C-alpha atoms as a PDB file:
ATOM      1  CA  MET A   1     -11.954 -14.469 -53.893  1.00  0.00           C
ATOM      2  CA  ASN A   2     -13.993 -16.935 -54.069  1.00  0.00           C
ATOM      3  CA  HIS A   3     -15.443 -19.365 -50.876  1.00  0.00           C
ATOM      4  CA  ASP A   4     -11.925 -22.224 -51.750  1.00  0.00           C
ATOM      5  CA  THR A   5      -9.765 -19.858 -51.998  1.00  0.00           C
ATOM      6  CA  GLN A   6     -10.607 -18.026 -49.142  1.00  0.00           C
ATOM      7  CA  SER A   7     -10.881 -21.434 -46.735  1.00  0.00           C
ATOM      8  CA  GLN A   8      -7.222 -22.973 -48.027  1.00  0.00           C
ATOM      9  CA  ARG A   9      -5.392 -18.880 -47.369  1.00  0.00           C
ATOM     10  CA  THR A  10      -7.535 -19.523 -43.705  1.00  0.00           C
ATOM     11  CA  ALA A  11      -6.466 -22.953 -43.213  1.00  0.00           C
ATOM     12  CA  SER A  12      -2.794 -22.404 -44.655  1.00  0.00           C
ATOM     13  CA  LEU A  13      -2.308 -19.475 -42.242  1.00  0.00           C
ATOM     14  CA  VAL A  14      -3.802 -21.647 -38.877  1.00  0.00           C
ATOM     15  CA  ALA A  15      -1.451 -24.431 -39.727  1.00  0.00           C
ATOM     16  CA  GLY A  16       1.687 -22.075 -39.818  1.00  0.00           C
ATOM     17  CA  LEU A  17       0.990 -20.474 -36.767  1.00  0.00           C
ATOM     18  CA  ALA A  18       0.395 -23.584 -35.083  1.00  0.00           C
ATOM     19  CA  LEU A  19       3.024 -24.944 -36.485  1.00  0.00           C
ATOM     20  CA  ALA A  20       5.297 -21.342 -35.636  1.00  0.00           C
ATOM     21  CA  LEU A  21       3.519 -22.018 -31.719  1.00  0.00           C
ATOM     22  CA  ILE A  22       5.040 -25.227 -31.063  1.00  0.00           C
ATOM     23  CA  ALA A  23       8.290 -24.828 -32.808  1.00  0.00           C
ATOM     24  CA  VAL A  24       8.640 -21.804 -29.870  1.00  0.00           C
ATOM     25  CA  ILE A  25       6.946 -23.605 -27.426  1.00  0.00           C
ATOM     26  CA  ALA A  26       8.028 -26.809 -27.421  1.00  0.00           C
ATOM     27  CA  SER A  27      11.687 -25.589 -27.935  1.00  0.00           C
ATOM     28  CA  VAL A  28      11.292 -24.027 -24.386  1.00  0.00           C
ATOM     29  CA  GLY A  29       8.881 -26.323 -22.200  1.00  0.00           C
ATOM     30  CA  ASN A  30      11.950 -29.067 -23.791  1.00  0.00           C
ATOM     31  CA  PHE A  31      14.921 -26.928 -23.593  1.00  0.00           C
ATOM     32  CA  ILE A  32      14.765 -24.719 -21.309  1.00  0.00           C
ATOM     33  CA  ALA A  33      11.897 -26.199 -18.206  1.00  0.00           C
ATOM     34  CA  LEU A  34      13.159 -29.705 -19.168  1.00  0.00           C
ATOM     35  CA  GLU A  35      16.121 -31.112 -19.757  1.00  0.00           C
ATOM     36  CA  PRO A  36      17.835 -28.772 -17.983  1.00  0.00           C
ATOM     37  CA  LEU A  37      16.855 -30.495 -14.724  1.00  0.00           C
ATOM     38  CA  ILE A  38      17.736 -34.183 -15.912  1.00  0.00           C
ATOM     39  CA  THR A  39      20.429 -36.095 -15.529  1.00  0.00           C
ATOM     40  CA  PRO A  40      20.797 -38.697 -18.127  1.00  0.00           C
ATOM     41  CA  GLY A  41      21.862 -42.226 -15.361  1.00  0.00           C
ATOM     42  CA  ASP A  42      21.714 -40.001 -12.405  1.00  0.00           C
ATOM     43  CA  ALA A  43      18.238 -41.129 -10.757  1.00  0.00           C
ATOM     44  CA  ALA A  44      19.059 -38.885  -7.281  1.00  0.00           C
ATOM     45  CA  LYS A  45      21.059 -35.213  -9.001  1.00  0.00           C
ATOM     46  CA  THR A  46      17.537 -35.545 -11.288  1.00  0.00           C
ATOM     47  CA  ALA A  47      15.260 -36.178  -8.450  1.00  0.00           C
ATOM     48  CA  GLU A  48      17.553 -33.329  -6.338  1.00  0.00           C
ATOM     49  CA  ASP A  49      16.571 -31.052  -9.292  1.00  0.00           C
ATOM     50  CA  ILE A  50      13.401 -31.480 -10.166  1.00  0.00           C
ATOM     51  CA  LEU A  51      11.995 -30.859  -6.423  1.00  0.00           C
ATOM     52  CA  ASN A  52      14.128 -27.442  -6.379  1.00  0.00           C
ATOM     53  CA  SER A  53      12.577 -26.160  -9.532  1.00  0.00           C
ATOM     54  CA  GLU A  54       9.530 -28.025  -9.160  1.00  0.00           C
ATOM     55  CA  ALA A  55       7.536 -25.374 -10.857  1.00  0.00           C
ATOM     56  CA  GLN A  56       9.312 -24.680 -13.488  1.00  0.00           C
ATOM     57  CA  PHE A  57       9.793 -28.641 -14.005  1.00  0.00           C
ATOM     58  CA  ARG A  58       5.580 -28.361 -14.197  1.00  0.00           C
ATOM     59  CA  TRP A  59       5.431 -25.544 -16.005  1.00  0.00           C
ATOM     60  CA  GLY A  60       7.613 -27.286 -18.602  1.00  0.00           C
ATOM     61  CA  ILE A  61       5.257 -30.536 -18.938  1.00  0.00           C
ATOM     62  CA  ALA A  62       2.208 -27.615 -19.047  1.00  0.00           C
ATOM     63  CA  ALA A  63       4.167 -26.109 -22.600  1.00  0.00           C
ATOM     64  CA  LEU A  64       4.491 -29.562 -23.555  1.00  0.00           C
ATOM     65  CA  ILE A  65       0.330 -30.120 -23.159  1.00  0.00           C
ATOM     66  CA  VAL A  66       0.180 -27.228 -25.510  1.00  0.00           C
ATOM     67  CA  ALA A  67       1.721 -27.725 -28.197  1.00  0.00           C
ATOM     68  CA  ALA A  68       0.117 -31.412 -28.056  1.00  0.00           C
ATOM     69  CA  VAL A  69      -2.970 -29.010 -28.783  1.00  0.00           C
ATOM     70  CA  LEU A  70      -1.895 -27.229 -31.262  1.00  0.00           C
ATOM     71  CA  ASP A  71      -1.001 -30.513 -33.096  1.00  0.00           C
ATOM     72  CA  ILE A  72      -4.821 -30.730 -32.937  1.00  0.00           C
ATOM     73  CA  ILE A  73      -4.741 -27.345 -34.920  1.00  0.00           C
ATOM     74  CA  VAL A  74      -2.316 -28.612 -37.161  1.00  0.00           C
ATOM     75  CA  ALA A  75      -4.264 -31.822 -38.343  1.00  0.00           C
ATOM     76  CA  GLY A  76      -6.801 -29.736 -38.474  1.00  0.00           C
ATOM     77  CA  ALA A  77      -6.359 -27.179 -40.815  1.00  0.00           C
ATOM     78  CA  LEU A  78      -3.696 -29.404 -42.869  1.00  0.00           C
ATOM     79  CA  LEU A  79      -6.858 -31.999 -43.489  1.00  0.00           C
ATOM     80  CA  ALA A  80      -8.681 -28.249 -44.675  1.00  0.00           C
ATOM     81  CA  LEU A  81      -5.722 -26.921 -47.515  1.00  0.00           C
ATOM     82  CA  PHE A  82      -5.518 -30.265 -48.937  1.00  0.00           C
ATOM     83  CA  GLU A  83      -8.296 -31.954 -48.559  1.00  0.00           C
ATOM     84  CA  PRO A  84      -8.719 -30.568 -52.308  1.00  0.00           C
ATOM     85  CA  VAL A  85      -5.964 -32.658 -53.071  1.00  0.00           C
ATOM     86  CA  SER A  86      -7.381 -35.764 -52.191  1.00  0.00           C
ATOM     87  CA  ARG A  87      -9.832 -36.033 -49.428  1.00  0.00           C
ATOM     88  CA  ASN A  88      -8.759 -39.637 -48.539  1.00  0.00           C
ATOM     89  CA  VAL A  89      -5.111 -39.039 -48.361  1.00  0.00           C
ATOM     90  CA  SER A  90      -5.811 -35.821 -46.282  1.00  0.00           C
ATOM     91  CA  MET A  91      -8.314 -37.450 -43.395  1.00  0.00           C
ATOM     92  CA  LEU A  92      -5.408 -40.169 -43.102  1.00  0.00           C
ATOM     93  CA  ALA A  93      -2.070 -37.555 -42.681  1.00  0.00           C
ATOM     94  CA  ALA A  94      -4.481 -36.155 -40.415  1.00  0.00           C
ATOM     95  CA  PHE A  95      -5.972 -39.129 -38.857  1.00  0.00           C
ATOM     96  CA  PHE A  96      -1.847 -39.847 -37.904  1.00  0.00           C
ATOM     97  CA  ARG A  97      -1.012 -36.613 -36.209  1.00  0.00           C
ATOM     98  CA  VAL A  98      -3.711 -37.253 -33.868  1.00  0.00           C
ATOM     99  CA  ALA A  99      -2.322 -40.407 -33.299  1.00  0.00           C
ATOM    100  CA  TYR A 100       0.596 -39.516 -33.411  1.00  0.00           C
ATOM    101  CA  THR A 101      -0.970 -36.103 -30.488  1.00  0.00           C
ATOM    102  CA  ALA A 102      -2.389 -39.634 -28.156  1.00  0.00           C
ATOM    103  CA  VAL A 103       1.222 -41.083 -28.094  1.00  0.00           C
ATOM    104  CA  PHE A 104       2.733 -38.039 -27.568  1.00  0.00           C
ATOM    105  CA  LEU A 105       0.371 -37.227 -24.231  1.00  0.00           C
ATOM    106  CA  VAL A 106       0.724 -40.284 -22.759  1.00  0.00           C
ATOM    107  CA  ALA A 107       4.118 -39.989 -22.401  1.00  0.00           C
ATOM    108  CA  ILE A 108       3.940 -36.543 -21.668  1.00  0.00           C
ATOM    109  CA  ILE A 109       1.760 -38.262 -18.725  1.00  0.00           C
ATOM    110  CA  GLN A 110       4.882 -40.160 -17.377  1.00  0.00           C
ATOM    111  CA  LEU A 111       5.969 -36.697 -16.371  1.00  0.00           C
ATOM    112  CA  VAL A 112       2.974 -35.503 -14.435  1.00  0.00           C
ATOM    113  CA  VAL A 113       4.140 -39.597 -12.652  1.00  0.00           C
ATOM    114  CA  ALA A 114       7.635 -38.731 -11.936  1.00  0.00           C
ATOM    115  CA  VAL A 115       7.373 -35.549 -10.183  1.00  0.00           C
ATOM    116  CA  GLY A 116       5.155 -38.068  -7.599  1.00  0.00           C
ATOM    117  CA  LEU A 117       7.820 -40.136  -7.141  1.00  0.00           C
ATOM    118  CA  LEU A 118      10.765 -37.980  -6.553  1.00  0.00           C
ATOM    119  CA  GLY A 119      11.260 -39.459  -3.157  1.00  0.00           C
ATOM    120  CA  ASP A 120      12.481 -42.480  -4.867  1.00  0.00           C
ATOM    121  CA  PRO A 121      14.488 -41.584  -6.904  1.00  0.00           C
ATOM    122  CA  ALA A 122      15.306 -44.634  -9.525  1.00  0.00           C
ATOM    123  CA  GLU A 123      11.331 -44.670  -9.744  1.00  0.00           C
ATOM    124  CA  ALA A 124      11.216 -41.543 -10.759  1.00  0.00           C
ATOM    125  CA  MET A 125      13.744 -41.690 -13.468  1.00  0.00           C
ATOM    126  CA  GLN A 126      12.602 -44.435 -14.906  1.00  0.00           C
ATOM    127  CA  ALA A 127       9.340 -42.401 -15.104  1.00  0.00           C
ATOM    128  CA  ILE A 128      11.216 -39.988 -17.225  1.00  0.00           C
ATOM    129  CA  ASP A 129      13.703 -42.890 -19.351  1.00  0.00           C
ATOM    130  CA  ALA A 130       9.395 -43.727 -19.994  1.00  0.00           C
ATOM    131  CA  TYR A 131       8.754 -40.912 -21.253  1.00  0.00           C
ATOM    132  CA  SER A 132      11.579 -40.201 -24.023  1.00  0.00           C
ATOM    133  CA  THR A 133      10.357 -43.975 -24.752  1.00  0.00           C
ATOM    134  CA  ILE A 134       6.876 -43.661 -25.530  1.00  0.00           C
ATOM    135  CA  TRP A 135       7.869 -40.234 -27.579  1.00  0.00           C
ATOM    136  CA  LEU A 136       9.958 -41.793 -29.965  1.00  0.00           C
ATOM    137  CA  VAL A 137       8.243 -44.669 -30.826  1.00  0.00           C
ATOM    138  CA  GLY A 138       5.158 -42.090 -31.406  1.00  0.00           C
ATOM    139  CA  LEU A 139       7.669 -40.754 -34.054  1.00  0.00           C
ATOM    140  CA  ILE A 140       6.727 -43.385 -36.058  1.00  0.00           C
ATOM    141  CA  PHE A 141       3.019 -41.766 -36.504  1.00  0.00           C
ATOM    142  CA  PHE A 142       4.833 -38.586 -36.896  1.00  0.00           C
ATOM    143  CA  GLY A 143       6.364 -39.474 -39.934  1.00  0.00           C
ATOM    144  CA  VAL A 144       3.832 -41.291 -41.764  1.00  0.00           C
ATOM    145  CA  HIS A 145       1.925 -37.696 -41.301  1.00  0.00           C
ATOM    146  CA  LEU A 146       4.669 -36.573 -43.069  1.00  0.00           C
ATOM    147  CA  LEU A 147       5.199 -38.677 -45.563  1.00  0.00           C
ATOM    148  CA  LEU A 148       1.179 -38.483 -46.251  1.00  0.00           C
ATOM    149  CA  ILE A 149       1.671 -34.983 -46.494  1.00  0.00           C
ATOM    150  CA  GLY A 150       4.683 -34.732 -48.347  1.00  0.00           C
ATOM    151  CA  TYR A 151       2.833 -37.385 -51.546  1.00  0.00           C
ATOM    152  CA  LEU A 152       0.253 -34.248 -51.199  1.00  0.00           C
ATOM    153  CA  ALA A 153       2.170 -31.555 -51.693  1.00  0.00           C
ATOM    154  CA  TYR A 154       3.766 -33.024 -54.216  1.00  0.00           C
ATOM    155  CA  ARG A 155       0.761 -34.020 -56.081  1.00  0.00           C
ATOM    156  CA  SER A 156      -0.963 -30.906 -55.701  1.00  0.00           C
ATOM    157  CA  GLY A 157       0.295 -28.256 -57.971  1.00  0.00           C
ATOM    158  CA  PHE A 158      -0.248 -25.484 -55.560  1.00  0.00           C
ATOM    159  CA  MET A 159       3.178 -25.988 -53.953  1.00  0.00           C
ATOM    160  CA  ALA A 160       6.578 -27.087 -55.974  1.00  0.00           C
ATOM    161  CA  LYS A 161       7.351 -30.492 -56.175  1.00  0.00           C
ATOM    162  CA  VAL A 162      10.536 -29.832 -54.030  1.00  0.00           C
ATOM    163  CA  PHE A 163       8.540 -29.166 -50.802  1.00  0.00           C
ATOM    164  CA  GLY A 164       6.749 -33.040 -51.171  1.00  0.00           C
ATOM    165  CA  ILE A 165      10.467 -34.286 -51.359  1.00  0.00           C
ATOM    166  CA  LEU A 166      11.811 -32.808 -48.416  1.00  0.00           C
ATOM    167  CA  LEU A 167       8.459 -33.459 -46.087  1.00  0.00           C
ATOM    168  CA  VAL A 168       9.101 -37.833 -47.859  1.00  0.00           C
ATOM    169  CA  VAL A 169      12.365 -37.551 -46.608  1.00  0.00           C
ATOM    170  CA  ALA A 170      11.749 -35.453 -43.103  1.00  0.00           C
ATOM    171  CA  GLY A 171       9.452 -38.429 -42.239  1.00  0.00           C
ATOM    172  CA  LEU A 172      11.225 -40.741 -43.436  1.00  0.00           C
ATOM    173  CA  GLY A 173      13.496 -39.732 -40.314  1.00  0.00           C
ATOM    174  CA  TYR A 174      11.568 -40.042 -37.740  1.00  0.00           C
ATOM    175  CA  VAL A 175      10.041 -43.196 -38.742  1.00  0.00           C
ATOM    176  CA  ALA A 176      13.730 -44.584 -39.356  1.00  0.00           C
ATOM    177  CA  ASP A 177      14.216 -42.731 -35.727  1.00  0.00           C
ATOM    178  CA  GLY A 178      10.605 -44.305 -33.952  1.00  0.00           C
ATOM    179  CA  PHE A 179      11.861 -47.688 -35.522  1.00  0.00           C
ATOM    180  CA  VAL A 180      15.182 -47.512 -34.746  1.00  0.00           C
ATOM    181  CA  THR A 181      13.533 -47.706 -30.543  1.00  0.00           C
ATOM    182  CA  VAL A 182      11.598 -50.476 -30.880  1.00  0.00           C
ATOM    183  CA  LEU A 183      13.875 -52.981 -32.530  1.00  0.00           C
ATOM    184  CA  VAL A 184      17.419 -51.750 -30.971  1.00  0.00           C
ATOM    185  CA  PRO A 185      16.569 -51.014 -26.609  1.00  0.00           C
ATOM    186  CA  GLY A 186      18.450 -48.606 -25.082  1.00  0.00           C
ATOM    187  CA  THR A 187      19.515 -46.593 -28.619  1.00  0.00           C
ATOM    188  CA  SER A 188      18.304 -43.990 -30.841  1.00  0.00           C
ATOM    189  CA  VAL A 189      19.863 -42.610 -33.364  1.00  0.00           C
ATOM    190  CA  GLY A 190      18.112 -38.782 -33.823  1.00  0.00           C
ATOM    191  CA  ILE A 191      17.867 -38.758 -37.926  1.00  0.00           C
ATOM    192  CA  GLY A 192      14.939 -36.505 -37.737  1.00  0.00           C
ATOM    193  CA  GLN A 193      17.008 -34.211 -36.575  1.00  0.00           C
ATOM    194  CA  PHE A 194      19.190 -33.882 -39.529  1.00  0.00           C
ATOM    195  CA  THR A 195      16.227 -34.116 -42.326  1.00  0.00           C
ATOM    196  CA  PHE A 196      13.111 -32.498 -40.495  1.00  0.00           C
ATOM    197  CA  VAL A 197      14.371 -29.454 -42.870  1.00  0.00           C
ATOM    198  CA  GLY A 198      11.251 -30.221 -44.479  1.00  0.00           C
ATOM    199  CA  GLU A 199       9.255 -29.434 -41.586  1.00  0.00           C
ATOM    200  CA  VAL A 200      10.788 -25.867 -41.448  1.00  0.00           C
ATOM    201  CA  ALA A 201       9.482 -24.975 -45.402  1.00  0.00           C
ATOM    202  CA  LEU A 202       6.622 -26.048 -44.798  1.00  0.00           C
ATOM    203  CA  MET A 203       5.768 -23.734 -41.856  1.00  0.00           C
ATOM    204  CA  PHE A 204       7.799 -20.809 -43.949  1.00  0.00           C
ATOM    205  CA  TRP A 205       5.713 -21.544 -47.189  1.00  0.00           C
ATOM    206  CA  LEU A 206       2.270 -21.756 -45.507  1.00  0.00           C
ATOM    207  CA  LEU A 207       2.866 -18.301 -43.495  1.00  0.00           C
ATOM    208  CA  ILE A 208       4.244 -16.071 -46.418  1.00  0.00           C
ATOM    209  CA  ARG A 209       2.771 -17.997 -49.703  1.00  0.00           C
ATOM    210  CA  GLY A 210      -0.368 -19.913 -48.611  1.00  0.00           C
ATOM    211  CA  SER A 211      -2.268 -17.317 -46.854  1.00  0.00           C
ATOM    212  CA  ARG A 212      -2.223 -14.876 -49.961  1.00  0.00           C
ATOM    213  CA  LYS A 213      -1.974 -17.642 -52.805  1.00  0.00           C
ATOM    214  CA  ASP A 214      -5.129 -17.875 -55.340  1.00  0.00           C
ATOM    215  CA  PHE A 215      -6.012 -21.280 -55.042  1.00  0.00           C
ATOM    216  CA  SER A 216      -9.427 -20.517 -56.922  1.00  0.00           C
ATOM    217  CA  ARG A 217      -6.861 -20.445 -60.038  1.00  0.00           C
ATOM    218  CA  GLY A 218      -6.579 -24.449 -60.517  1.00  0.00           C
ATOM    219  CA  GLU A 219      -2.731 -24.188 -61.622  1.00  0.00           C
ATOM    220  CA  ALA A 220       0.541 -24.863 -59.789  1.00  0.00           C
ATOM    221  CA  ASP A 221       3.846 -23.438 -59.112  1.00  0.00           C
ATOM    222  CA  ARG A 222       4.407 -26.360 -60.952  1.00  0.00           C
ATOM    223  CA  GLY A 223       2.706 -29.704 -62.218  1.00  0.00           C
ATOM    224  CA  HIS A 224      -1.055 -29.935 -61.589  1.00  0.00           C
ATOM    225  CA  TYR A 225      -3.373 -29.433 -58.794  1.00  0.00           C
ATOM    226  CA  PHE A 226      -5.555 -32.594 -58.634  1.00  0.00           C
ATOM    227  CA  ALA A 227      -4.306 -35.913 -57.758  1.00  0.00           C
ATOM    228  CA  PRO A 228      -6.001 -38.864 -57.739  1.00  0.00           C
ATOM    229  CA  ASP A 229      -8.127 -40.203 -54.766  1.00  0.00           C
ATOM    230  CA  SER A 230      -6.677 -43.541 -55.642  1.00  0.00           C
ATOM    231  CA  LEU A 231      -4.341 -43.966 -52.993  1.00  0.00           C
ATOM    232  CA  VAL A 232      -6.392 -45.051 -50.165  1.00  0.00           C
ATOM    233  CA  SER A 233      -9.990 -46.404 -51.545  1.00  0.00           C
ATOM    234  CA  THR A 234     -12.568 -45.649 -48.978  1.00  0.00           C
ATOM    235  CA  PRO A 235     -12.114 -42.264 -46.618  1.00  0.00           C
ATOM    236  CA  ILE A 236     -10.829 -42.845 -43.434  1.00  0.00           C
ATOM    237  CA  GLY A 237     -12.776 -40.559 -39.914  1.00  0.00           C
ATOM    238  CA  ARG A 238     -10.718 -38.236 -38.191  1.00  0.00           C
ATOM    239  CA  GLN A 239     -10.677 -39.059 -33.991  1.00  0.00           C
END
């Protein structure tokens, strides 16, 4: 096994494991720790519930921070995996995932602020609502990341083209969600919850197929292995 194959196998495994951990940790933090304590439109009840279970709320915030850190790891691992396909595009994809993570962390800070405002339920609820809004806008960056990864997957040759198509569909869903939030205040459509299949497919491919694949053979599941770098003319640095 040559060095390139080992490096890409390692990158695939790291990305797959990090994505799996994000799915678990973010779900626990959001759906189990945070959401049960938040009653939309009822600031008084929300503040009371958080005060009664403040440790649970804080653990939920901590879980989201861990998920954000794992997003950075995913960005780096996918960069290493897809760099042989197109260095420029893979770096751009990593940049957009890091940008999304930065916006996500800004959103999480609003939850921390909300804990300090529980004495004023209305102010606390505004901070919680700001968290949701900022995160939804950040999905634009995440969606662009998936569009670029979908392009790389489609052109890579070491993945079936259907993975690229599914990732592009998922990316378009998140971009739509983000722009609806920006263009239609107080509205969220949640298209991404129906188009996320590509993310799940990518995670399983990374864990099951990518971590064992012989990348050195230069042949693909389907198509050609190398894609041109013409999509982006100059390299950009990662954050």
